[in-house]
Amino acid sequence: MDPLVILHHIPKTGGVAMSQVARANYRPDEFLSLEREVADIQAATADIGDYLRKTREFYGSLPPERKARLRCVAGYGASVVIPSVTDRPVRAFCMLRDPVEYVVSFYLFQVWRRETLGARSPYIEAMRERDWQLKDVYRELGGADQPSSYLHKLFGLLFNGQTRHLLFGELDSSLIPFRADEGLDEYRDRAFALLEETYVVGAQDRFSESIRLFADSFGWRRVFVPRANAGRLRGGRREADIDEETRALIRSYNGIDAELHAHYSQRLEGQPGVGRLTDLRGRVWRGARRGRSRLGRARRGAVGRIRPIRT
């Protein structure tokens, strides 16, 4: 039996673009976007643990016949689906990102949502209530061995957040200490073991090569690089405006994420990728040209077969 493919969308790692490619390779009834189905859950909570638990409950509530038709499940909470699949094998895939870029992108996105869209952002609201800059999140919350406060739960994604996302289906990842480097070997080893056993892993900085890897792994025929999200400028701020002290703190408190990303990015070095003029667009263009050519020949043949009508 073919495995169920799980697209684990870790926020700010190119998951929207990955989802576009995956969706192009399955029929509508074979593809389930958890982000669309549980958007109301995501809007109602900033607690990633609460969101993922409710996502697991939603998947469990699907009718058996709906699950049987699925070939790919995609979304932020897709990792929690893995233990629930008992009728067939599971193969998951995800993209990892340099943790400094990941954290800065997440932060600027929250600022943009708050200032440009007027949307609520509990992250930015909590920081402004305390007159915090991004670096203050690490100064004030870093070092906790048992991060159980509301603020620790809220800002957990900024402390090895990609690892927390990966391990949620394995353990209560909110309990991962907010330490800089020491005492995190258990979580690093579990994350590596999970990725090696269950996942095909790409790297956001090698996006084209990652798409090719996924296509080869899952037998995709429609492979392409979607248009990049031009999100370098968020809310009047640029990623380059984040000072080096802040970047150093991010690196210090995201050691597992840095190690995971470096490992899988290096694996992709020198591997073939997907051209910017995409395979899919090329096939569509060639198919359309062949279709027009056949239509033209059919029309010419029809004209040649016309006979006068006798009266």
Foldseek 3Di string as FASTA:
>chain_A
DAAAEEEAEAPPFCQVQVVVQVVVQDDPLQEAELCVVCVVLVLVDLQVLSSLVVSLVVVVPDDPVSVVSYRYYYYNNRLLCQVVDDPHHYAYEYAAEQLLSRLLLVVLQLLQCCQPVVDDDPVVVVCVVVVHDLLVLCVPQAPAQAQDDPSLSNCVCLQLNVLLSNCVNPDNSSNQHQYQDPPRVVSLVVSVVCCVPHYDYHYSVPVFLSQVSVCVVNVGPFTARDDDDPPQAGNNDGSVPDDPSSSVSSCRRNVSSNVVNVVRHVVSPPGDGADNCGPNVVVVVVVVVVVVVVVVVVVVVVVVPDDDDDD
